[in-house]
Amino acid sequence: AASPLNMGLLGSSFSEFTTSPPNWLGVK
């Protein structure tokens, strides 16, 4: 099981990715 933090979404990149989502990260 790779990406336990969903490419950083569940870790250090949570604020960045939820504020300005990268194009490869789904809304769901």
PDB file of all heavy atoms in Angstrom:
ATOM      1  N   ALA A   1       0.854  -1.188   0.000  1.00  0.00           N
ATOM      2  CA  ALA A   1       0.000   0.000   0.000  1.00  0.00           C
ATOM      3  C   ALA A   1       0.890   1.238   0.000  1.00  0.00           C
ATOM      4  O   ALA A   1       1.495   1.592   1.016  1.00  0.00           O
ATOM      5  CB  ALA A   1      -0.917   0.011   1.216  1.00  0.00           C
ATOM      6  N   ALA A   2       0.992   1.886  -1.162  1.00  0.00           N
ATOM      7  CA  ALA A   2       1.809   3.091  -1.269  1.00  0.00           C
ATOM      8  C   ALA A   2       0.950   4.333  -1.044  1.00  0.00           C
ATOM      9  O   ALA A   2      -0.262   4.292  -1.192  1.00  0.00           O
ATOM     10  CB  ALA A   2       2.483   3.150  -2.640  1.00  0.00           C
ATOM     11  N   SER A   3       1.604   5.415  -0.684  1.00  0.00           N
ATOM     12  CA  SER A   3       0.955   6.705  -0.405  1.00  0.00           C
ATOM     13  C   SER A   3      -0.030   6.618   0.764  1.00  0.00           C
ATOM     14  O   SER A   3      -1.216   6.919   0.615  1.00  0.00           O
ATOM     15  CB  SER A   3       0.237   7.238  -1.651  1.00  0.00           C
ATOM     16  OG  SER A   3       1.140   7.438  -2.700  1.00  0.00           O
ATOM     17  N   PRO A   4       0.441   6.218   1.940  1.00  0.00           N
ATOM     18  CA  PRO A   4      -0.449   6.158   3.108  1.00  0.00           C
ATOM     19  C   PRO A   4      -1.018   7.518   3.488  1.00  0.00           C
ATOM     20  O   PRO A   4      -2.061   7.592   4.136  1.00  0.00           O
ATOM     21  CB  PRO A   4       0.446   5.586   4.218  1.00  0.00           C
ATOM     22  CG  PRO A   4       1.837   5.872   3.775  1.00  0.00           C
ATOM     23  CD  PRO A   4       1.813   5.785   2.281  1.00  0.00           C
ATOM     24  N   LEU A   5      -0.340   8.600   3.061  1.00  0.00           N
ATOM     25  CA  LEU A   5      -0.835   9.952   3.329  1.00  0.00           C
ATOM     26  C   LEU A   5      -1.448  10.581   2.082  1.00  0.00           C
ATOM     27  O   LEU A   5      -1.630  11.802   2.016  1.00  0.00           O
ATOM     28  CB  LEU A   5       0.284  10.844   3.875  1.00  0.00           C
ATOM     29  CG  LEU A   5       0.926  10.389   5.190  1.00  0.00           C
ATOM     30  CD1 LEU A   5       1.973  11.399   5.645  1.00  0.00           C
ATOM     31  CD2 LEU A   5      -0.117  10.171   6.274  1.00  0.00           C
ATOM     32  N   ASN A   6      -1.802   9.748   1.108  1.00  0.00           N
ATOM     33  CA  ASN A   6      -2.445  10.215  -0.125  1.00  0.00           C
ATOM     34  C   ASN A   6      -1.649  11.362  -0.766  1.00  0.00           C
ATOM     35  O   ASN A   6      -2.162  12.452  -0.991  1.00  0.00           O
ATOM     36  CB  ASN A   6      -3.881  10.649   0.129  1.00  0.00           C
ATOM     37  CG  ASN A   6      -4.771  10.460  -1.092  1.00  0.00           C
ATOM     38  OD1 ASN A   6      -5.428   9.431  -1.241  1.00  0.00           O
ATOM     39  ND2 ASN A   6      -4.783  11.415  -2.004  1.00  0.00           N
ATOM     40  N   MET A   7      -0.382  11.092  -1.028  1.00  0.00           N
ATOM     41  CA  MET A   7       0.524  12.058  -1.666  1.00  0.00           C
ATOM     42  C   MET A   7       0.669  13.349  -0.856  1.00  0.00           C
ATOM     43  O   MET A   7       0.829  14.440  -1.412  1.00  0.00           O
ATOM     44  CB  MET A   7       0.051  12.409  -3.081  1.00  0.00           C
ATOM     45  CG  MET A   7      -0.145  11.231  -4.001  1.00  0.00           C
ATOM     46  SD  MET A   7       1.410  10.442  -4.417  1.00  0.00           S
ATOM     47  CE  MET A   7       0.984   9.641  -5.958  1.00  0.00           C
ATOM     48  N   GLY A   8       0.596  13.245   0.463  1.00  0.00           N
ATOM     49  CA  GLY A   8       0.767  14.416   1.319  1.00  0.00           C
ATOM     50  C   GLY A   8      -0.517  15.088   1.746  1.00  0.00           C
ATOM     51  O   GLY A   8      -0.520  15.931   2.651  1.00  0.00           O
ATOM     52  N   LEU A   9      -1.638  14.721   1.119  1.00  0.00           N
ATOM     53  CA  LEU A   9      -2.927  15.325   1.462  1.00  0.00           C
ATOM     54  C   LEU A   9      -3.288  15.079   2.918  1.00  0.00           C
ATOM     55  O   LEU A   9      -3.905  15.932   3.569  1.00  0.00           O
ATOM     56  CB  LEU A   9      -4.020  14.757   0.541  1.00  0.00           C
ATOM     57  CG  LEU A   9      -5.461  15.182   0.818  1.00  0.00           C
ATOM     58  CD1 LEU A   9      -5.623  16.689   0.673  1.00  0.00           C
ATOM     59  CD2 LEU A   9      -6.420  14.451  -0.121  1.00  0.00           C
ATOM     60  N   LEU A  10      -2.911  13.913   3.451  1.00  0.00           N
ATOM     61  CA  LEU A  10      -3.213  13.568   4.838  1.00  0.00           C
ATOM     62  C   LEU A  10      -2.032  13.879   5.767  1.00  0.00           C
ATOM     63  O   LEU A  10      -1.944  13.340   6.862  1.00  0.00           O
ATOM     64  CB  LEU A  10      -3.568  12.086   4.945  1.00  0.00           C
ATOM     65  CG  LEU A  10      -4.861  11.675   4.232  1.00  0.00           C
ATOM     66  CD1 LEU A  10      -4.998  10.165   4.176  1.00  0.00           C
ATOM     67  CD2 LEU A  10      -6.078  12.300   4.916  1.00  0.00           C
ATOM     68  N   GLY A  11      -1.166  14.765   5.306  1.00  0.00           N
ATOM     69  CA  GLY A  11      -0.013  15.116   6.112  1.00  0.00           C
ATOM     70  C   GLY A  11       0.367  16.566   5.945  1.00  0.00           C
ATOM     71  O   GLY A  11      -0.474  17.473   6.041  1.00  0.00           O
ATOM     72  N   SER A  12       1.635  16.794   5.620  1.00  0.00           N
ATOM     73  CA  SER A  12       2.166  18.156   5.601  1.00  0.00           C
ATOM     74  C   SER A  12       1.580  19.044   4.508  1.00  0.00           C
ATOM     75  O   SER A  12       1.667  20.265   4.589  1.00  0.00           O
ATOM     76  CB  SER A  12       3.691  18.108   5.437  1.00  0.00           C
ATOM     77  OG  SER A  12       4.049  17.462   4.220  1.00  0.00           O
ATOM     78  N   SER A  13       0.967  18.443   3.474  1.00  0.00           N
ATOM     79  CA  SER A  13       0.413  19.245   2.369  1.00  0.00           C
ATOM     80  C   SER A  13      -1.092  19.465   2.494  1.00  0.00           C
ATOM     81  O   SER A  13      -1.728  19.950   1.553  1.00  0.00           O
ATOM     82  CB  SER A  13       0.720  18.562   1.031  1.00  0.00           C
ATOM     83  OG  SER A  13       2.105  18.485   0.805  1.00  0.00           O
ATOM     84  N   PHE A  14      -1.679  19.116   3.639  1.00  0.00           N
ATOM     85  CA  PHE A  14      -3.131  19.228   3.799  1.00  0.00           C
ATOM     86  C   PHE A  14      -3.634  20.642   3.503  1.00  0.00           C
ATOM     87  O   PHE A  14      -4.545  20.829   2.687  1.00  0.00           O
ATOM     88  CB  PHE A  14      -3.554  18.809   5.209  1.00  0.00           C
ATOM     89  CG  PHE A  14      -5.012  19.038   5.488  1.00  0.00           C
ATOM     90  CD1 PHE A  14      -5.979  18.156   5.010  1.00  0.00           C
ATOM     91  CD2 PHE A  14      -5.435  20.146   6.226  1.00  0.00           C
ATOM     92  CE1 PHE A  14      -7.333  18.372   5.254  1.00  0.00           C
ATOM     93  CE2 PHE A  14      -6.777  20.376   6.475  1.00  0.00           C
ATOM     94  CZ  PHE A  14      -7.722  19.481   5.983  1.00  0.00           C
ATOM     95  N   SER A  15      -3.042  21.636   4.140  1.00  0.00           N
ATOM     96  CA  SER A  15      -3.514  23.016   3.950  1.00  0.00           C
ATOM     97  C   SER A  15      -3.326  23.468   2.510  1.00  0.00           C
ATOM     98  O   SER A  15      -4.229  24.066   1.906  1.00  0.00           O
ATOM     99  CB  SER A  15      -2.770  23.964   4.890  1.00  0.00           C
ATOM    100  OG  SER A  15      -3.069  23.674   6.235  1.00  0.00           O
ATOM    101  N   GLU A  16      -2.160  23.175   1.949  1.00  0.00           N
ATOM    102  CA  GLU A  16      -1.861  23.583   0.569  1.00  0.00           C
ATOM    103  C   GLU A  16      -2.815  22.923  -0.421  1.00  0.00           C
ATOM    104  O   GLU A  16      -3.389  23.588  -1.291  1.00  0.00           O
ATOM    105  CB  GLU A  16      -0.420  23.214   0.234  1.00  0.00           C
ATOM    106  CG  GLU A  16      -0.029  23.506  -1.207  1.00  0.00           C
ATOM    107  CD  GLU A  16       1.334  22.945  -1.570  1.00  0.00           C
ATOM    108  OE1 GLU A  16       2.070  22.510  -0.653  1.00  0.00           O
ATOM    109  OE2 GLU A  16       1.656  22.924  -2.778  1.00  0.00           O
ATOM    110  N   PHE A  17      -3.001  21.606  -0.293  1.00  0.00           N
ATOM    111  CA  PHE A  17      -3.808  20.872  -1.264  1.00  0.00           C
ATOM    112  C   PHE A  17      -5.300  21.142  -1.122  1.00  0.00           C
ATOM    113  O   PHE A  17      -6.045  21.072  -2.101  1.00  0.00           O
ATOM    114  CB  PHE A  17      -3.551  19.369  -1.139  1.00  0.00           C
ATOM    115  CG  PHE A  17      -2.212  18.927  -1.685  1.00  0.00           C
ATOM    116  CD1 PHE A  17      -1.798  17.612  -1.569  1.00  0.00           C
ATOM    117  CD2 PHE A  17      -1.363  19.818  -2.311  1.00  0.00           C
ATOM    118  CE1 PHE A  17      -0.578  17.189  -2.078  1.00  0.00           C
ATOM    119  CE2 PHE A  17      -0.130  19.417  -2.822  1.00  0.00           C
ATOM    120  CZ  PHE A  17       0.266  18.099  -2.702  1.00  0.00           C
ATOM    121  N   THR A  18      -5.769  21.438   0.090  1.00  0.00           N
ATOM    122  CA  THR A  18      -7.194  21.732   0.258  1.00  0.00           C
ATOM    123  C   THR A  18      -7.517  23.176  -0.142  1.00  0.00           C
ATOM    124  O   THR A  18      -8.647  23.482  -0.502  1.00  0.00           O
ATOM    125  CB  THR A  18      -7.649  21.483   1.708  1.00  0.00           C
ATOM    126  OG1 THR A  18      -6.780  22.183   2.616  1.00  0.00           O
ATOM    127  CG2 THR A  18      -7.637  19.991   2.034  1.00  0.00           C
ATOM    128  N   THR A  19      -6.515  24.043  -0.079  1.00  0.00           N
ATOM    129  CA  THR A  19      -6.705  25.438  -0.483  1.00  0.00           C
ATOM    130  C   THR A  19      -6.541  25.604  -1.990  1.00  0.00           C
ATOM    131  O   THR A  19      -7.337  26.283  -2.649  1.00  0.00           O
ATOM    132  CB  THR A  19      -5.705  26.351   0.245  1.00  0.00           C
ATOM    133  OG1 THR A  19      -5.864  26.204   1.648  1.00  0.00           O
ATOM    134  CG2 THR A  19      -5.926  27.805  -0.149  1.00  0.00           C
ATOM    135  N   SER A  20      -5.507  24.977  -2.525  1.00  0.00           N
ATOM    136  CA  SER A  20      -5.217  25.082  -3.957  1.00  0.00           C
ATOM    137  C   SER A  20      -4.876  23.693  -4.495  1.00  0.00           C
ATOM    138  O   SER A  20      -3.706  23.343  -4.637  1.00  0.00           O
ATOM    139  CB  SER A  20      -4.045  26.045  -4.180  1.00  0.00           C
ATOM    140  OG  SER A  20      -3.757  26.178  -5.550  1.00  0.00           O
ATOM    141  N   PRO A  21      -5.896  22.879  -4.789  1.00  0.00           N
ATOM    142  CA  PRO A  21      -5.675  21.482  -5.158  1.00  0.00           C
ATOM    143  C   PRO A  21      -4.882  21.334  -6.454  1.00  0.00           C
ATOM    144  O   PRO A  21      -5.152  22.037  -7.435  1.00  0.00           O
ATOM    145  CB  PRO A  21      -7.099  20.939  -5.343  1.00  0.00           C
ATOM    146  CG  PRO A  21      -7.986  21.896  -4.625  1.00  0.00           C
ATOM    147  CD  PRO A  21      -7.322  23.231  -4.750  1.00  0.00           C
ATOM    148  N   PRO A  22      -3.892  20.426  -6.479  1.00  0.00           N
ATOM    149  CA  PRO A  22      -3.206  20.128  -7.735  1.00  0.00           C
ATOM    150  C   PRO A  22      -4.165  19.416  -8.692  1.00  0.00           C
ATOM    151  O   PRO A  22      -5.159  18.818  -8.257  1.00  0.00           O
ATOM    152  CB  PRO A  22      -2.063  19.201  -7.304  1.00  0.00           C
ATOM    153  CG  PRO A  22      -2.499  18.620  -5.998  1.00  0.00           C
ATOM    154  CD  PRO A  22      -3.370  19.647  -5.347  1.00  0.00           C
ATOM    155  N   ASN A  23      -3.874  19.481  -9.990  1.00  0.00           N
ATOM    156  CA  ASN A  23      -4.824  18.955 -10.975  1.00  0.00           C
ATOM    157  C   ASN A  23      -4.984  17.446 -10.923  1.00  0.00           C
ATOM    158  O   ASN A  23      -5.947  16.905 -11.451  1.00  0.00           O
ATOM    159  CB  ASN A  23      -4.423  19.396 -12.396  1.00  0.00           C
ATOM    160  CG  ASN A  23      -3.007  18.972 -12.764  1.00  0.00           C
ATOM    161  OD1 ASN A  23      -2.425  18.111 -12.121  1.00  0.00           O
ATOM    162  ND2 ASN A  23      -2.462  19.598 -13.790  1.00  0.00           N
ATOM    163  N   TRP A  24      -4.045  16.748 -10.281  1.00  0.00           N
ATOM    164  CA  TRP A  24      -4.127  15.289 -10.231  1.00  0.00           C
ATOM    165  C   TRP A  24      -4.891  14.786  -8.995  1.00  0.00           C
ATOM    166  O   TRP A  24      -5.091  13.582  -8.839  1.00  0.00           O
ATOM    167  CB  TRP A  24      -2.726  14.673 -10.230  1.00  0.00           C
ATOM    168  CG  TRP A  24      -1.752  15.327  -9.292  1.00  0.00           C
ATOM    169  CD1 TRP A  24      -0.847  16.299  -9.589  1.00  0.00           C
ATOM    170  CD2 TRP A  24      -1.597  15.065  -7.886  1.00  0.00           C
ATOM    171  NE1 TRP A  24      -0.131  16.671  -8.470  1.00  0.00           N
ATOM    172  CE2 TRP A  24      -0.568  15.924  -7.411  1.00  0.00           C
ATOM    173  CE3 TRP A  24      -2.214  14.198  -6.991  1.00  0.00           C
ATOM    174  CZ2 TRP A  24      -0.166  15.930  -6.088  1.00  0.00           C
ATOM    175  CZ3 TRP A  24      -1.811  14.202  -5.670  1.00  0.00           C
ATOM    176  CH2 TRP A  24      -0.799  15.058  -5.228  1.00  0.00           C
ATOM    177  N   LEU A  25      -5.316  15.697  -8.144  1.00  0.00           N
ATOM    178  CA  LEU A  25      -5.991  15.299  -6.911  1.00  0.00           C
ATOM    179  C   LEU A  25      -7.493  15.510  -7.039  1.00  0.00           C
ATOM    180  O   LEU A  25      -7.957  16.609  -7.325  1.00  0.00           O
ATOM    181  CB  LEU A  25      -5.443  16.128  -5.744  1.00  0.00           C
ATOM    182  CG  LEU A  25      -5.858  15.717  -4.332  1.00  0.00           C
ATOM    183  CD1 LEU A  25      -5.474  14.281  -4.043  1.00  0.00           C
ATOM    184  CD2 LEU A  25      -5.192  16.651  -3.322  1.00  0.00           C
ATOM    185  N   GLY A  26      -8.259  14.451  -6.840  1.00  0.00           N
ATOM    186  CA  GLY A  26      -9.700  14.507  -7.020  1.00  0.00           C
ATOM    187  C   GLY A  26     -10.436  15.190  -5.879  1.00  0.00           C
ATOM    188  O   GLY A  26      -9.990  15.186  -4.728  1.00  0.00           O
ATOM    189  N   VAL A  27     -11.595  15.756  -6.211  1.00  0.00           N
ATOM    190  CA  VAL A  27     -12.423  16.450  -5.217  1.00  0.00           C
ATOM    191  C   VAL A  27     -12.870  15.494  -4.111  1.00  0.00           C
ATOM    192  O   VAL A  27     -12.913  15.864  -2.929  1.00  0.00           O
ATOM    193  CB  VAL A  27     -13.654  17.085  -5.909  1.00  0.00           C
ATOM    194  CG1 VAL A  27     -14.612  17.664  -4.869  1.00  0.00           C
ATOM    195  CG2 VAL A  27     -13.220  18.163  -6.897  1.00  0.00           C
ATOM    196  N   LYS A  28     -13.189  14.277  -4.489  1.00  0.00           N
ATOM    197  CA  LYS A  28     -13.665  13.282  -3.526  1.00  0.00           C
ATOM    198  C   LYS A  28     -12.643  13.060  -2.408  1.00  0.00           C
ATOM    199  O   LYS A  28     -12.990  13.013  -1.220  1.00  0.00           O
ATOM    200  CB  LYS A  28     -13.952  11.971  -4.261  1.00  0.00           C
ATOM    201  CG  LYS A  28     -14.536  10.865  -3.412  1.00  0.00           C
ATOM    202  CD  LYS A  28     -14.835   9.648  -4.289  1.00  0.00           C
ATOM    203  CE  LYS A  28     -15.350   8.488  -3.469  1.00  0.00           C
ATOM    204  NZ  LYS A  28     -15.604   7.298  -4.324  1.00  0.00           N
TER     205      LYS A  28
END
